[in-house]
Amino acid sequence: MKKRAELITKISLLKQKIDQCLDNRDREGFIQLSYELKVCQRYLGTLMNNNENTLIGSAEQNRDKFFHL
């Protein structure tokens, strides 16, 4: 959970820096920050998918326990 929050914060800051690069017409900075943003977004997506799959798997494994009570 903490890792996701850190990534979301980093993504937000990267977007702000990209906007600054656009304002300053800093093409090199824009390209570098855009690449870093893509990497962070993909990593966040992977974390979200893995957490979702883990939760679904846990719920399915424990479902029978709840119905047999």
C-alpha atoms as a PDB file:
ATOM      1  CA  MET A   1       0.000   0.000   0.000  1.00  0.00           C
ATOM      2  CA  LYS A   2       2.821   2.385   0.905  1.00  0.00           C
ATOM      3  CA  LYS A   3       4.635   1.656  -2.364  1.00  0.00           C
ATOM      4  CA  ARG A   4       1.514   2.533  -4.373  1.00  0.00           C
ATOM      5  CA  ALA A   5       1.141   5.822  -2.508  1.00  0.00           C
ATOM      6  CA  GLU A   6       4.786   6.678  -3.178  1.00  0.00           C
ATOM      7  CA  LEU A   7       4.379   5.892  -6.877  1.00  0.00           C
ATOM      8  CA  ILE A   8       1.217   7.980  -7.157  1.00  0.00           C
ATOM      9  CA  THR A   9       3.024  10.904  -5.525  1.00  0.00           C
ATOM     10  CA  LYS A  10       6.016  10.482  -7.830  1.00  0.00           C
ATOM     11  CA  ILE A  11       3.737  10.332 -10.892  1.00  0.00           C
ATOM     12  CA  SER A  12       2.035  13.545  -9.823  1.00  0.00           C
ATOM     13  CA  LEU A  13       5.379  15.305  -9.349  1.00  0.00           C
ATOM     14  CA  LEU A  14       6.658  14.043 -12.694  1.00  0.00           C
ATOM     15  CA  LYS A  15       3.586  15.448 -14.428  1.00  0.00           C
ATOM     16  CA  GLN A  16       4.235  18.830 -12.834  1.00  0.00           C
ATOM     17  CA  LYS A  17       7.874  18.746 -13.952  1.00  0.00           C
ATOM     18  CA  ILE A  18       6.801  17.756 -17.476  1.00  0.00           C
ATOM     19  CA  ASP A  19       4.475  20.773 -17.543  1.00  0.00           C
ATOM     20  CA  GLN A  20       7.403  22.965 -16.509  1.00  0.00           C
ATOM     21  CA  CYS A  21       9.530  21.496 -19.296  1.00  0.00           C
ATOM     22  CA  LEU A  22       6.777  22.282 -21.781  1.00  0.00           C
ATOM     23  CA  ASP A  23       6.530  25.844 -20.481  1.00  0.00           C
ATOM     24  CA  ASN A  24      10.308  26.255 -20.763  1.00  0.00           C
ATOM     25  CA  ARG A  25      10.492  24.436 -24.102  1.00  0.00           C
ATOM     26  CA  ASP A  26      12.970  21.979 -22.600  1.00  0.00           C
ATOM     27  CA  ARG A  27      12.726  19.114 -25.070  1.00  0.00           C
ATOM     28  CA  GLU A  28      15.454  16.957 -23.507  1.00  0.00           C
ATOM     29  CA  GLY A  29      13.954  17.268 -20.024  1.00  0.00           C
ATOM     30  CA  PHE A  30      10.501  16.531 -21.426  1.00  0.00           C
ATOM     31  CA  ILE A  31      11.691  13.345 -23.130  1.00  0.00           C
ATOM     32  CA  GLN A  32      13.573  12.124 -20.059  1.00  0.00           C
ATOM     33  CA  LEU A  33      10.730  12.856 -17.634  1.00  0.00           C
ATOM     34  CA  SER A  34       8.123  11.398 -19.987  1.00  0.00           C
ATOM     35  CA  TYR A  35      10.064   8.144 -20.140  1.00  0.00           C
ATOM     36  CA  GLU A  36      10.350   8.039 -16.355  1.00  0.00           C
ATOM     37  CA  LEU A  37       6.615   8.743 -16.079  1.00  0.00           C
ATOM     38  CA  LYS A  38       5.792   5.837 -18.386  1.00  0.00           C
ATOM     39  CA  VAL A  39       7.974   3.492 -16.326  1.00  0.00           C
ATOM     40  CA  CYS A  40       6.324   4.585 -13.080  1.00  0.00           C
ATOM     41  CA  GLN A  41       2.817   4.250 -14.544  1.00  0.00           C
ATOM     42  CA  ARG A  42       3.551   0.749 -15.829  1.00  0.00           C
ATOM     43  CA  TYR A  43       5.010  -0.274 -12.475  1.00  0.00           C
ATOM     44  CA  LEU A  44       1.961   1.112 -10.669  1.00  0.00           C
ATOM     45  CA  GLY A  45      -0.310  -0.772 -13.069  1.00  0.00           C
ATOM     46  CA  THR A  46       1.611  -3.965 -12.384  1.00  0.00           C
ATOM     47  CA  LEU A  47       1.315  -3.448  -8.625  1.00  0.00           C
ATOM     48  CA  MET A  48      -2.406  -2.792  -8.923  1.00  0.00           C
ATOM     49  CA  ASN A  49      -2.978  -5.894 -11.058  1.00  0.00           C
ATOM     50  CA  ASN A  50      -0.901  -8.113  -8.780  1.00  0.00           C
ATOM     51  CA  ASN A  51      -2.660  -6.854  -5.657  1.00  0.00           C
ATOM     52  CA  GLU A  52      -6.052  -7.298  -7.293  1.00  0.00           C
ATOM     53  CA  ASN A  53      -5.220 -10.842  -8.412  1.00  0.00           C
ATOM     54  CA  THR A  54      -3.865 -11.690  -4.965  1.00  0.00           C
ATOM     55  CA  LEU A  55      -7.030 -10.403  -3.300  1.00  0.00           C
ATOM     56  CA  ILE A  56      -9.254 -12.316  -5.713  1.00  0.00           C
ATOM     57  CA  GLY A  57      -7.244 -15.492  -5.194  1.00  0.00           C
ATOM     58  CA  SER A  58      -7.410 -15.128  -1.414  1.00  0.00           C
ATOM     59  CA  ALA A  59     -11.141 -14.492  -1.511  1.00  0.00           C
ATOM     60  CA  GLU A  60     -11.718 -17.565  -3.664  1.00  0.00           C
ATOM     61  CA  GLN A  61      -9.602 -19.746  -1.376  1.00  0.00           C
ATOM     62  CA  ASN A  62     -11.385 -18.520   1.732  1.00  0.00           C
ATOM     63  CA  ARG A  63     -14.873 -18.443   0.242  1.00  0.00           C
ATOM     64  CA  ASP A  64     -15.633 -22.026   1.244  1.00  0.00           C
ATOM     65  CA  LYS A  65     -14.572 -21.299   4.834  1.00  0.00           C
ATOM     66  CA  PHE A  66     -17.188 -18.575   5.129  1.00  0.00           C
ATOM     67  CA  PHE A  67     -20.018 -20.602   3.645  1.00  0.00           C
ATOM     68  CA  HIS A  68     -19.412 -23.597   5.920  1.00  0.00           C
ATOM     69  CA  LEU A  69     -19.710 -21.671   9.168  1.00  0.00           C
END
